[in-house]
Each structure stands twice: as structure tokens, then as C-alpha cells.
Amino acid sequence: YEFASRETLKLSPPPVWDGIEPKEACRRVCEMVCEV
């Protein structure tokens, strides 16, 4: 790990969720996962 570094990935919403609150996006994702 001498030449290793940490990278952080921030996810973006799909276009239809642009502008909604992050908590609401999480709630919708959890609903989808429960359906799956």
C-alpha cells in the first residue's frame, strides 16, 4: 500500500430525482429494494 490512496465516490440522483431531498431519495430506494 505504499503507493495507494483513498478515493471517495459521491453518487448522483437520476434526472427525475433532481431537486428532491436526499432523505426522500433514500426512502424511495429502500422501497425499491424491499420490493426486490
Full PDB file with SEQRES, HELIX, SHEET, SSBOND, CRYST1, ORIGX, SCALE, CONECT and MASTER records, all heavy atoms in Angstrom:
SEQRES   1 A   36  TYR GLU PHE ALA SER ARG GLU THR LEU LYS LEU SER PRO          
SEQRES   2 A   36  PRO PRO VAL TRP ASP GLY ILE GLU PRO LYS GLU ALA CYS          
SEQRES   3 A   36  ARG ARG VAL CYS GLU MET VAL CYS GLU VAL                      
HELIX    1 AA1 PRO A   15  TRP A   17  5                                   3    
HELIX    2 AA2 PRO A   22  GLU A   35  1                                  14    
CRYST1    1.000    1.000    1.000  90.00  90.00  90.00 P 1           1          
ORIGX1      1.000000  0.000000  0.000000        0.00000                         
ORIGX2      0.000000  1.000000  0.000000        0.00000                         
ORIGX3      0.000000  0.000000  1.000000        0.00000                         
SCALE1      1.000000  0.000000  0.000000        0.00000                         
SCALE2      0.000000  1.000000  0.000000        0.00000                         
SCALE3      0.000000  0.000000  1.000000        0.00000                         
ATOM      1  N   TYR A   1       0.811  -1.222   0.000  1.00  0.00           N  
ATOM      2  CA  TYR A   1       0.000   0.000   0.000  1.00  0.00           C  
ATOM      3  C   TYR A   1       0.846   1.274   0.000  1.00  0.00           C  
ATOM      4  O   TYR A   1       0.336   2.351   0.299  1.00  0.00           O  
ATOM      5  CB  TYR A   1      -0.942   0.001   1.206  1.00  0.00           C  
ATOM      6  CG  TYR A   1      -2.047  -1.026   1.104  1.00  0.00           C  
ATOM      7  CD1 TYR A   1      -1.948  -2.244   1.781  1.00  0.00           C  
ATOM      8  CD2 TYR A   1      -3.173  -0.791   0.321  1.00  0.00           C  
ATOM      9  CE1 TYR A   1      -2.951  -3.193   1.688  1.00  0.00           C  
ATOM     10  CE2 TYR A   1      -4.176  -1.738   0.220  1.00  0.00           C  
ATOM     11  CZ  TYR A   1      -4.066  -2.939   0.903  1.00  0.00           C  
ATOM     12  OH  TYR A   1      -5.054  -3.887   0.807  1.00  0.00           O  
ATOM     13  N   GLU A   2       2.116   1.155  -0.379  1.00  0.00           N  
ATOM     14  CA  GLU A   2       2.981   2.336  -0.353  1.00  0.00           C  
ATOM     15  C   GLU A   2       2.505   3.417  -1.315  1.00  0.00           C  
ATOM     16  O   GLU A   2       2.597   4.608  -1.031  1.00  0.00           O  
ATOM     17  CB  GLU A   2       4.422   1.935  -0.675  1.00  0.00           C  
ATOM     18  CG  GLU A   2       5.401   3.099  -0.610  1.00  0.00           C  
ATOM     19  CD  GLU A   2       6.840   2.665  -0.807  1.00  0.00           C  
ATOM     20  OE1 GLU A   2       7.107   1.442  -0.717  1.00  0.00           O  
ATOM     21  OE2 GLU A   2       7.688   3.538  -1.050  1.00  0.00           O  
ATOM     22  N   PHE A   3       2.008   2.999  -2.464  1.00  0.00           N  
ATOM     23  CA  PHE A   3       1.564   3.963  -3.475  1.00  0.00           C  
ATOM     24  C   PHE A   3       0.045   3.916  -3.648  1.00  0.00           C  
ATOM     25  O   PHE A   3      -0.467   4.146  -4.737  1.00  0.00           O  
ATOM     26  CB  PHE A   3       2.272   3.703  -4.805  1.00  0.00           C  
ATOM     27  CG  PHE A   3       3.748   3.927  -4.752  1.00  0.00           C  
ATOM     28  CD1 PHE A   3       4.625   2.857  -4.634  1.00  0.00           C  
ATOM     29  CD2 PHE A   3       4.270   5.208  -4.766  1.00  0.00           C  
ATOM     30  CE1 PHE A   3       5.987   3.059  -4.565  1.00  0.00           C  
ATOM     31  CE2 PHE A   3       5.635   5.424  -4.703  1.00  0.00           C  
ATOM     32  CZ  PHE A   3       6.504   4.349  -4.599  1.00  0.00           C  
ATOM     33  N   ALA A   4      -0.648   3.611  -2.559  1.00  0.00           N  
ATOM     34  CA  ALA A   4      -2.108   3.578  -2.575  1.00  0.00           C  
ATOM     35  C   ALA A   4      -2.664   4.835  -1.914  1.00  0.00           C  
ATOM     36  O   ALA A   4      -2.046   5.408  -1.018  1.00  0.00           O  
ATOM     37  CB  ALA A   4      -2.626   2.338  -1.853  1.00  0.00           C  
ATOM     38  N   SER A   5      -3.826   5.275  -2.369  1.00  0.00           N  
ATOM     39  CA  SER A   5      -4.501   6.429  -1.774  1.00  0.00           C  
ATOM     40  C   SER A   5      -5.998   6.162  -1.740  1.00  0.00           C  
ATOM     41  O   SER A   5      -6.518   5.380  -2.545  1.00  0.00           O  
ATOM     42  CB  SER A   5      -4.202   7.704  -2.568  1.00  0.00           C  
ATOM     43  OG  SER A   5      -4.608   7.575  -3.923  1.00  0.00           O  
ATOM     44  N   ARG A   6      -6.697   6.812  -0.831  1.00  0.00           N  
ATOM     45  CA  ARG A   6      -8.133   6.635  -0.698  1.00  0.00           C  
ATOM     46  C   ARG A   6      -8.857   7.567  -1.664  1.00  0.00           C  
ATOM     47  O   ARG A   6      -8.454   8.705  -1.883  1.00  0.00           O  
ATOM     48  CB  ARG A   6      -8.606   6.931   0.715  1.00  0.00           C  
ATOM     49  CG  ARG A   6      -7.972   6.100   1.802  1.00  0.00           C  
ATOM     50  CD  ARG A   6      -8.193   4.617   1.643  1.00  0.00           C  
ATOM     51  NE  ARG A   6      -9.593   4.234   1.631  1.00  0.00           N  
ATOM     52  CZ  ARG A   6     -10.022   2.977   1.580  1.00  0.00           C  
ATOM     53  NH1 ARG A   6      -9.138   1.981   1.534  1.00  0.00           N  
ATOM     54  NH2 ARG A   6     -11.294   2.689   1.557  1.00  0.00           N  
ATOM     55  N   GLU A   7      -9.918   7.061  -2.254  1.00  0.00           N  
ATOM     56  CA  GLU A   7     -10.768   7.853  -3.149  1.00  0.00           C  
ATOM     57  C   GLU A   7     -12.209   7.728  -2.663  1.00  0.00           C  
ATOM     58  O   GLU A   7     -12.638   6.650  -2.246  1.00  0.00           O  
ATOM     59  CB  GLU A   7     -10.671   7.342  -4.594  1.00  0.00           C  
ATOM     60  CG  GLU A   7      -9.319   7.552  -5.247  1.00  0.00           C  
ATOM     61  CD  GLU A   7      -9.146   8.964  -5.777  1.00  0.00           C  
ATOM     62  OE1 GLU A   7     -10.130   9.733  -5.754  1.00  0.00           O  
ATOM     63  OE2 GLU A   7      -8.026   9.286  -6.228  1.00  0.00           O  
ATOM     64  N   THR A   8     -12.946   8.827  -2.721  1.00  0.00           N  
ATOM     65  CA  THR A   8     -14.347   8.836  -2.277  1.00  0.00           C  
ATOM     66  C   THR A   8     -15.261   9.107  -3.463  1.00  0.00           C  
ATOM     67  O   THR A   8     -15.045  10.060  -4.213  1.00  0.00           O  
ATOM     68  CB  THR A   8     -14.571   9.903  -1.192  1.00  0.00           C  
ATOM     69  OG1 THR A   8     -13.718   9.628  -0.079  1.00  0.00           O  
ATOM     70  CG2 THR A   8     -16.023   9.887  -0.716  1.00  0.00           C  
ATOM     71  N   LEU A   9     -16.255   8.269  -3.620  1.00  0.00           N  
ATOM     72  CA  LEU A   9     -17.217   8.397  -4.719  1.00  0.00           C  
ATOM     73  C   LEU A   9     -18.540   8.925  -4.166  1.00  0.00           C  
ATOM     74  O   LEU A   9     -19.149   8.313  -3.287  1.00  0.00           O  
ATOM     75  CB  LEU A   9     -17.433   7.043  -5.403  1.00  0.00           C  
ATOM     76  CG  LEU A   9     -18.498   6.994  -6.499  1.00  0.00           C  
ATOM     77  CD1 LEU A   9     -18.108   7.898  -7.665  1.00  0.00           C  
ATOM     78  CD2 LEU A   9     -18.706   5.565  -6.976  1.00  0.00           C  
ATOM     79  N   LYS A  10     -18.977  10.051  -4.689  1.00  0.00           N  
ATOM     80  CA  LYS A  10     -20.279  10.607  -4.326  1.00  0.00           C  
ATOM     81  C   LYS A  10     -21.263  10.314  -5.454  1.00  0.00           C  
ATOM     82  O   LYS A  10     -21.035  10.690  -6.604  1.00  0.00           O  
ATOM     83  CB  LYS A  10     -20.174  12.122  -4.099  1.00  0.00           C  
ATOM     84  CG  LYS A  10     -21.478  12.760  -3.651  1.00  0.00           C  
ATOM     85  CD  LYS A  10     -21.324  14.248  -3.426  1.00  0.00           C  
ATOM     86  CE  LYS A  10     -22.652  14.879  -2.998  1.00  0.00           C  
ATOM     87  NZ  LYS A  10     -22.527  16.342  -2.794  1.00  0.00           N  
ATOM     88  N   LEU A  11     -22.343   9.638  -5.119  1.00  0.00           N  
ATOM     89  CA  LEU A  11     -23.324   9.258  -6.119  1.00  0.00           C  
ATOM     90  C   LEU A  11     -24.271  10.415  -6.428  1.00  0.00           C  
ATOM     91  O   LEU A  11     -24.553  11.257  -5.575  1.00  0.00           O  
ATOM     92  CB  LEU A  11     -24.119   8.049  -5.641  1.00  0.00           C  
ATOM     93  CG  LEU A  11     -23.296   6.782  -5.360  1.00  0.00           C  
ATOM     94  CD1 LEU A  11     -24.172   5.720  -4.707  1.00  0.00           C  
ATOM     95  CD2 LEU A  11     -22.666   6.251  -6.634  1.00  0.00           C  
ATOM     96  N   SER A  12     -24.777  10.426  -7.664  1.00  0.00           N  
ATOM     97  CA  SER A  12     -25.725  11.451  -8.110  1.00  0.00           C  
ATOM     98  C   SER A  12     -27.107  10.832  -8.291  1.00  0.00           C  
ATOM     99  O   SER A  12     -27.222   9.626  -8.528  1.00  0.00           O  
ATOM    100  CB  SER A  12     -25.255  12.064  -9.434  1.00  0.00           C  
ATOM    101  OG  SER A  12     -23.993  12.682  -9.280  1.00  0.00           O  
ATOM    102  N   PRO A  13     -28.171  11.632  -8.216  1.00  0.00           N  
ATOM    103  CA  PRO A  13     -29.518  11.096  -8.420  1.00  0.00           C  
ATOM    104  C   PRO A  13     -29.817  10.938  -9.912  1.00  0.00           C  
ATOM    105  O   PRO A  13     -29.177  11.581 -10.743  1.00  0.00           O  
ATOM    106  CB  PRO A  13     -30.410  12.167  -7.794  1.00  0.00           C  
ATOM    107  CG  PRO A  13     -29.643  13.437  -8.016  1.00  0.00           C  
ATOM    108  CD  PRO A  13     -28.191  13.066  -7.879  1.00  0.00           C  
ATOM    109  N   PRO A  14     -30.785  10.105 -10.257  1.00  0.00           N  
ATOM    110  CA  PRO A  14     -31.244  10.090 -11.651  1.00  0.00           C  
ATOM    111  C   PRO A  14     -31.914  11.416 -11.986  1.00  0.00           C  
ATOM    112  O   PRO A  14     -32.344  12.145 -11.075  1.00  0.00           O  
ATOM    113  CB  PRO A  14     -32.237   8.926 -11.688  1.00  0.00           C  
ATOM    114  CG  PRO A  14     -32.692   8.769 -10.278  1.00  0.00           C  
ATOM    115  CD  PRO A  14     -31.539   9.166  -9.415  1.00  0.00           C  
ATOM    116  N   PRO A  15     -32.027  11.767 -13.262  1.00  0.00           N  
ATOM    117  CA  PRO A  15     -32.607  13.076 -13.624  1.00  0.00           C  
ATOM    118  C   PRO A  15     -33.984  13.344 -13.022  1.00  0.00           C  
ATOM    119  O   PRO A  15     -34.282  14.478 -12.640  1.00  0.00           O  
ATOM    120  CB  PRO A  15     -32.661  13.015 -15.156  1.00  0.00           C  
ATOM    121  CG  PRO A  15     -31.555  12.100 -15.528  1.00  0.00           C  
ATOM    122  CD  PRO A  15     -31.506  11.057 -14.445  1.00  0.00           C  
ATOM    123  N   VAL A  16     -34.816  12.305 -12.918  1.00  0.00           N  
ATOM    124  CA  VAL A  16     -36.170  12.530 -12.398  1.00  0.00           C  
ATOM    125  C   VAL A  16     -36.172  12.839 -10.907  1.00  0.00           C  
ATOM    126  O   VAL A  16     -37.200  13.263 -10.365  1.00  0.00           O  
ATOM    127  CB  VAL A  16     -37.080  11.311 -12.677  1.00  0.00           C  
ATOM    128  CG1 VAL A  16     -37.307  11.146 -14.171  1.00  0.00           C  
ATOM    129  CG2 VAL A  16     -36.503  10.040 -12.060  1.00  0.00           C  
ATOM    130  N   TRP A  17     -35.053  12.621 -10.219  1.00  0.00           N  
ATOM    131  CA  TRP A  17     -34.955  12.939  -8.803  1.00  0.00           C  
ATOM    132  C   TRP A  17     -34.131  14.192  -8.547  1.00  0.00           C  
ATOM    133  O   TRP A  17     -33.828  14.507  -7.393  1.00  0.00           O  
ATOM    134  CB  TRP A  17     -34.352  11.760  -8.036  1.00  0.00           C  
ATOM    135  CG  TRP A  17     -35.311  10.625  -7.851  1.00  0.00           C  
ATOM    136  CD1 TRP A  17     -36.611  10.572  -8.249  1.00  0.00           C  
ATOM    137  CD2 TRP A  17     -35.033   9.374  -7.221  1.00  0.00           C  
ATOM    138  NE1 TRP A  17     -37.169   9.366  -7.919  1.00  0.00           N  
ATOM    139  CE2 TRP A  17     -36.220   8.602  -7.284  1.00  0.00           C  
ATOM    140  CE3 TRP A  17     -33.915   8.822  -6.620  1.00  0.00           C  
ATOM    141  CZ2 TRP A  17     -36.305   7.316  -6.762  1.00  0.00           C  
ATOM    142  CZ3 TRP A  17     -33.984   7.528  -6.092  1.00  0.00           C  
ATOM    143  CH2 TRP A  17     -35.170   6.794  -6.163  1.00  0.00           C  
ATOM    144  N   ASP A  18     -33.763  14.912  -9.572  1.00  0.00           N  
ATOM    145  CA  ASP A  18     -33.051  16.177  -9.372  1.00  0.00           C  
ATOM    146  C   ASP A  18     -33.922  17.116  -8.536  1.00  0.00           C  
ATOM    147  O   ASP A  18     -35.094  17.345  -8.853  1.00  0.00           O  
ATOM    148  CB  ASP A  18     -32.737  16.841 -10.713  1.00  0.00           C  
ATOM    149  CG  ASP A  18     -31.514  16.242 -11.385  1.00  0.00           C  
ATOM    150  OD1 ASP A  18     -30.728  15.562 -10.694  1.00  0.00           O  
ATOM    151  OD2 ASP A  18     -31.348  16.440 -12.604  1.00  0.00           O  
ATOM    152  N   GLY A  19     -33.368  17.648  -7.480  1.00  0.00           N  
ATOM    153  CA  GLY A  19     -34.102  18.618  -6.674  1.00  0.00           C  
ATOM    154  C   GLY A  19     -34.806  18.047  -5.463  1.00  0.00           C  
ATOM    155  O   GLY A  19     -35.244  18.812  -4.596  1.00  0.00           O  
ATOM    156  N   ILE A  20     -34.952  16.720  -5.358  1.00  0.00           N  
ATOM    157  CA  ILE A  20     -35.622  16.176  -4.176  1.00  0.00           C  
ATOM    158  C   ILE A  20     -34.617  16.058  -3.030  1.00  0.00           C  
ATOM    159  O   ILE A  20     -33.411  15.986  -3.233  1.00  0.00           O  
ATOM    160  CB  ILE A  20     -36.284  14.816  -4.463  1.00  0.00           C  
ATOM    161  CG1 ILE A  20     -35.229  13.714  -4.623  1.00  0.00           C  
ATOM    162  CG2 ILE A  20     -37.179  14.880  -5.672  1.00  0.00           C  
ATOM    163  CD1 ILE A  20     -35.815  12.333  -4.647  1.00  0.00           C  
ATOM    164  N   GLU A  21     -35.104  16.013  -1.820  1.00  0.00           N  
ATOM    165  CA  GLU A  21     -34.250  15.921  -0.646  1.00  0.00           C  
ATOM    166  C   GLU A  21     -33.552  14.564  -0.591  1.00  0.00           C  
ATOM    167  O   GLU A  21     -34.151  13.543  -0.956  1.00  0.00           O  
ATOM    168  CB  GLU A  21     -35.080  16.112   0.624  1.00  0.00           C  
ATOM    169  CG  GLU A  21     -35.638  17.515   0.796  1.00  0.00           C  
ATOM    170  CD  GLU A  21     -34.526  18.532   1.010  1.00  0.00           C  
ATOM    171  OE1 GLU A  21     -33.513  18.175   1.644  1.00  0.00           O  
ATOM    172  OE2 GLU A  21     -34.677  19.678   0.548  1.00  0.00           O  
ATOM    173  N   PRO A  22     -32.288  14.525  -0.125  1.00  0.00           N  
ATOM    174  CA  PRO A  22     -31.573  13.244  -0.040  1.00  0.00           C  
ATOM    175  C   PRO A  22     -32.299  12.195   0.799  1.00  0.00           C  
ATOM    176  O   PRO A  22     -32.292  11.006   0.450  1.00  0.00           O  
ATOM    177  CB  PRO A  22     -30.233  13.642   0.607  1.00  0.00           C  
ATOM    178  CG  PRO A  22     -30.039  15.080   0.221  1.00  0.00           C  
ATOM    179  CD  PRO A  22     -31.418  15.667   0.212  1.00  0.00           C  
ATOM    180  N   LYS A  23     -32.941  12.614   1.887  1.00  0.00           N  
ATOM    181  CA  LYS A  23     -33.665  11.645   2.721  1.00  0.00           C  
ATOM    182  C   LYS A  23     -34.822  11.015   1.965  1.00  0.00           C  
ATOM    183  O   LYS A  23     -35.106   9.819   2.112  1.00  0.00           O  
ATOM    184  CB  LYS A  23     -34.182  12.325   3.995  1.00  0.00           C  
ATOM    185  CG  LYS A  23     -33.086  12.654   4.998  1.00  0.00           C  
ATOM    186  CD  LYS A  23     -33.684  13.220   6.284  1.00  0.00           C  
ATOM    187  CE  LYS A  23     -32.597  13.521   7.312  1.00  0.00           C  
ATOM    188  NZ  LYS A  23     -33.159  14.077   8.566  1.00  0.00           N  
ATOM    189  N   GLU A  24     -35.488  11.814   1.135  1.00  0.00           N  
ATOM    190  CA  GLU A  24     -36.591  11.282   0.347  1.00  0.00           C  
ATOM    191  C   GLU A  24     -36.070  10.299  -0.699  1.00  0.00           C  
ATOM    192  O   GLU A  24     -36.698   9.258  -0.960  1.00  0.00           O  
ATOM    193  CB  GLU A  24     -37.348  12.431  -0.328  1.00  0.00           C  
ATOM    194  CG  GLU A  24     -38.448  11.993  -1.288  1.00  0.00           C  
ATOM    195  CD  GLU A  24     -39.560  11.208  -0.630  1.00  0.00           C  
ATOM    196  OE1 GLU A  24     -39.679  11.228   0.624  1.00  0.00           O  
ATOM    197  OE2 GLU A  24     -40.341  10.577  -1.356  1.00  0.00           O  
ATOM    198  N   ALA A  25     -34.921  10.613  -1.300  1.00  0.00           N  
ATOM    199  CA  ALA A  25     -34.321   9.695  -2.269  1.00  0.00           C  
ATOM    200  C   ALA A  25     -33.965   8.370  -1.602  1.00  0.00           C  
ATOM    201  O   ALA A  25     -34.219   7.293  -2.164  1.00  0.00           O  
ATOM    202  CB  ALA A  25     -33.080  10.325  -2.899  1.00  0.00           C  
ATOM    203  N   CYS A  26     -33.418   8.412  -0.387  1.00  0.00           N  
ATOM    204  CA  CYS A  26     -33.088   7.181   0.339  1.00  0.00           C  
ATOM    205  C   CYS A  26     -34.343   6.365   0.620  1.00  0.00           C  
ATOM    206  O   CYS A  26     -34.338   5.129   0.511  1.00  0.00           O  
ATOM    207  CB  CYS A  26     -32.371   7.514   1.641  1.00  0.00           C  
ATOM    208  SG  CYS A  26     -30.733   8.232   1.421  1.00  0.00           S  
ATOM    209  N   ARG A  27     -35.422   7.052   1.018  1.00  0.00           N  
ATOM    210  CA  ARG A  27     -36.669   6.347   1.310  1.00  0.00           C  
ATOM    211  C   ARG A  27     -37.192   5.616   0.077  1.00  0.00           C  
ATOM    212  O   ARG A  27     -37.611   4.461   0.153  1.00  0.00           O  
ATOM    213  CB  ARG A  27     -37.726   7.343   1.817  1.00  0.00           C  
ATOM    214  CG  ARG A  27     -39.027   6.703   2.283  1.00  0.00           C  
ATOM    215  CD  ARG A  27     -40.104   7.734   2.528  1.00  0.00           C  
ATOM    216  NE  ARG A  27     -40.534   8.386   1.293  1.00  0.00           N  
ATOM    217  CZ  ARG A  27     -41.366   7.831   0.404  1.00  0.00           C  
ATOM    218  NH1 ARG A  27     -41.843   6.616   0.612  1.00  0.00           N  
ATOM    219  NH2 ARG A  27     -41.704   8.492  -0.683  1.00  0.00           N  
ATOM    220  N   ARG A  28     -37.125   6.281  -1.077  1.00  0.00           N  
ATOM    221  CA  ARG A  28     -37.604   5.658  -2.314  1.00  0.00           C  
ATOM    222  C   ARG A  28     -36.729   4.472  -2.706  1.00  0.00           C  
ATOM    223  O   ARG A  28     -37.230   3.448  -3.187  1.00  0.00           O  
ATOM    224  CB  ARG A  28     -37.637   6.694  -3.434  1.00  0.00           C  
ATOM    225  CG  ARG A  28     -38.617   7.833  -3.184  1.00  0.00           C  
ATOM    226  CD  ARG A  28     -38.644   8.810  -4.358  1.00  0.00           C  
ATOM    227  NE  ARG A  28     -39.457   9.983  -4.056  1.00  0.00           N  
ATOM    228  CZ  ARG A  28     -39.716  10.949  -4.933  1.00  0.00           C  
ATOM    229  NH1 ARG A  28     -39.210  10.890  -6.168  1.00  0.00           N  
ATOM    230  NH2 ARG A  28     -40.467  11.978  -4.586  1.00  0.00           N  
ATOM    231  N   VAL A  29     -35.423   4.608  -2.504  1.00  0.00           N  
ATOM    232  CA  VAL A  29     -34.524   3.495  -2.808  1.00  0.00           C  
ATOM    233  C   VAL A  29     -34.842   2.306  -1.903  1.00  0.00           C  
ATOM    234  O   VAL A  29     -34.905   1.152  -2.367  1.00  0.00           O  
ATOM    235  CB  VAL A  29     -33.045   3.925  -2.647  1.00  0.00           C  
ATOM    236  CG1 VAL A  29     -32.124   2.707  -2.659  1.00  0.00           C  
ATOM    237  CG2 VAL A  29     -32.643   4.893  -3.760  1.00  0.00           C  
ATOM    238  N   CYS A  30     -35.052   2.564  -0.623  1.00  0.00           N  
ATOM    239  CA  CYS A  30     -35.369   1.472   0.308  1.00  0.00           C  
ATOM    240  C   CYS A  30     -36.668   0.768  -0.089  1.00  0.00           C  
ATOM    241  O   CYS A  30     -36.776  -0.467   0.027  1.00  0.00           O  
ATOM    242  CB  CYS A  30     -35.486   2.015   1.734  1.00  0.00           C  
ATOM    243  SG  CYS A  30     -33.907   2.543   2.447  1.00  0.00           S  
ATOM    244  N   GLU A  31     -37.650   1.519  -0.564  1.00  0.00           N  
ATOM    245  CA  GLU A  31     -38.899   0.908  -1.029  1.00  0.00           C  
ATOM    246  C   GLU A  31     -38.637  -0.018  -2.211  1.00  0.00           C  
ATOM    247  O   GLU A  31     -39.179  -1.127  -2.283  1.00  0.00           O  
ATOM    248  CB  GLU A  31     -39.908   1.994  -1.420  1.00  0.00           C  
ATOM    249  CG  GLU A  31     -40.548   2.704  -0.252  1.00  0.00           C  
ATOM    250  CD  GLU A  31     -41.593   3.716  -0.707  1.00  0.00           C  
ATOM    251  OE1 GLU A  31     -41.722   3.923  -1.940  1.00  0.00           O  
ATOM    252  OE2 GLU A  31     -42.275   4.296   0.168  1.00  0.00           O  
ATOM    253  N   MET A  32     -37.820   0.443  -3.161  1.00  0.00           N  
ATOM    254  CA  MET A  32     -37.497  -0.392  -4.321  1.00  0.00           C  
ATOM    255  C   MET A  32     -36.795  -1.677  -3.899  1.00  0.00           C  
ATOM    256  O   MET A  32     -37.112  -2.770  -4.389  1.00  0.00           O  
ATOM    257  CB  MET A  32     -36.591   0.378  -5.284  1.00  0.00           C  
ATOM    258  CG  MET A  32     -37.261   1.500  -6.035  1.00  0.00           C  
ATOM    259  SD  MET A  32     -36.087   2.209  -7.218  1.00  0.00           S  
ATOM    260  CE  MET A  32     -37.057   3.586  -7.819  1.00  0.00           C  
ATOM    261  N   VAL A  33     -35.832  -1.551  -2.983  1.00  0.00           N  
ATOM    262  CA  VAL A  33     -35.088  -2.725  -2.533  1.00  0.00           C  
ATOM    263  C   VAL A  33     -36.012  -3.705  -1.818  1.00  0.00           C  
ATOM    264  O   VAL A  33     -35.911  -4.927  -2.004  1.00  0.00           O  
ATOM    265  CB  VAL A  33     -33.914  -2.301  -1.634  1.00  0.00           C  
ATOM    266  CG1 VAL A  33     -33.244  -3.523  -0.997  1.00  0.00           C  
ATOM    267  CG2 VAL A  33     -32.885  -1.501  -2.431  1.00  0.00           C  
ATOM    268  N   CYS A  34     -36.939  -3.198  -1.016  1.00  0.00           N  
ATOM    269  CA  CYS A  34     -37.902  -4.082  -0.338  1.00  0.00           C  
ATOM    270  C   CYS A  34     -38.761  -4.832  -1.347  1.00  0.00           C  
ATOM    271  O   CYS A  34     -39.077  -6.015  -1.155  1.00  0.00           O  
ATOM    272  CB  CYS A  34     -38.783  -3.260   0.607  1.00  0.00           C  
ATOM    273  SG  CYS A  34     -37.926  -2.666   2.088  1.00  0.00           S  
ATOM    274  N   GLU A  35     -39.148  -4.162  -2.427  1.00  0.00           N  
ATOM    275  CA  GLU A  35     -39.920  -4.828  -3.480  1.00  0.00           C  
ATOM    276  C   GLU A  35     -39.105  -5.934  -4.139  1.00  0.00           C  
ATOM    277  O   GLU A  35     -39.619  -7.029  -4.417  1.00  0.00           O  
ATOM    278  CB  GLU A  35     -40.360  -3.807  -4.532  1.00  0.00           C  
ATOM    279  CG  GLU A  35     -41.392  -2.808  -4.034  1.00  0.00           C  
ATOM    280  CD  GLU A  35     -41.657  -1.701  -5.040  1.00  0.00           C  
ATOM    281  OE1 GLU A  35     -41.043  -1.752  -6.139  1.00  0.00           O  
ATOM    282  OE2 GLU A  35     -42.459  -0.792  -4.751  1.00  0.00           O  
ATOM    283  N   VAL A  36     -37.821  -5.669  -4.375  1.00  0.00           N  
ATOM    284  CA  VAL A  36     -36.947  -6.679  -4.979  1.00  0.00           C  
ATOM    285  C   VAL A  36     -36.829  -7.891  -4.055  1.00  0.00           C  
ATOM    286  O   VAL A  36     -36.912  -9.046  -4.508  1.00  0.00           O  
ATOM    287  CB  VAL A  36     -35.553  -6.075  -5.269  1.00  0.00           C  
ATOM    288  CG1 VAL A  36     -34.558  -7.177  -5.639  1.00  0.00           C  
ATOM    289  CG2 VAL A  36     -35.636  -5.053  -6.385  1.00  0.00           C  
TER     290      VAL A  36                                                      
MASTER        0    0    0    2    0    0    0    6  289    1    0    3          
END                                                                             
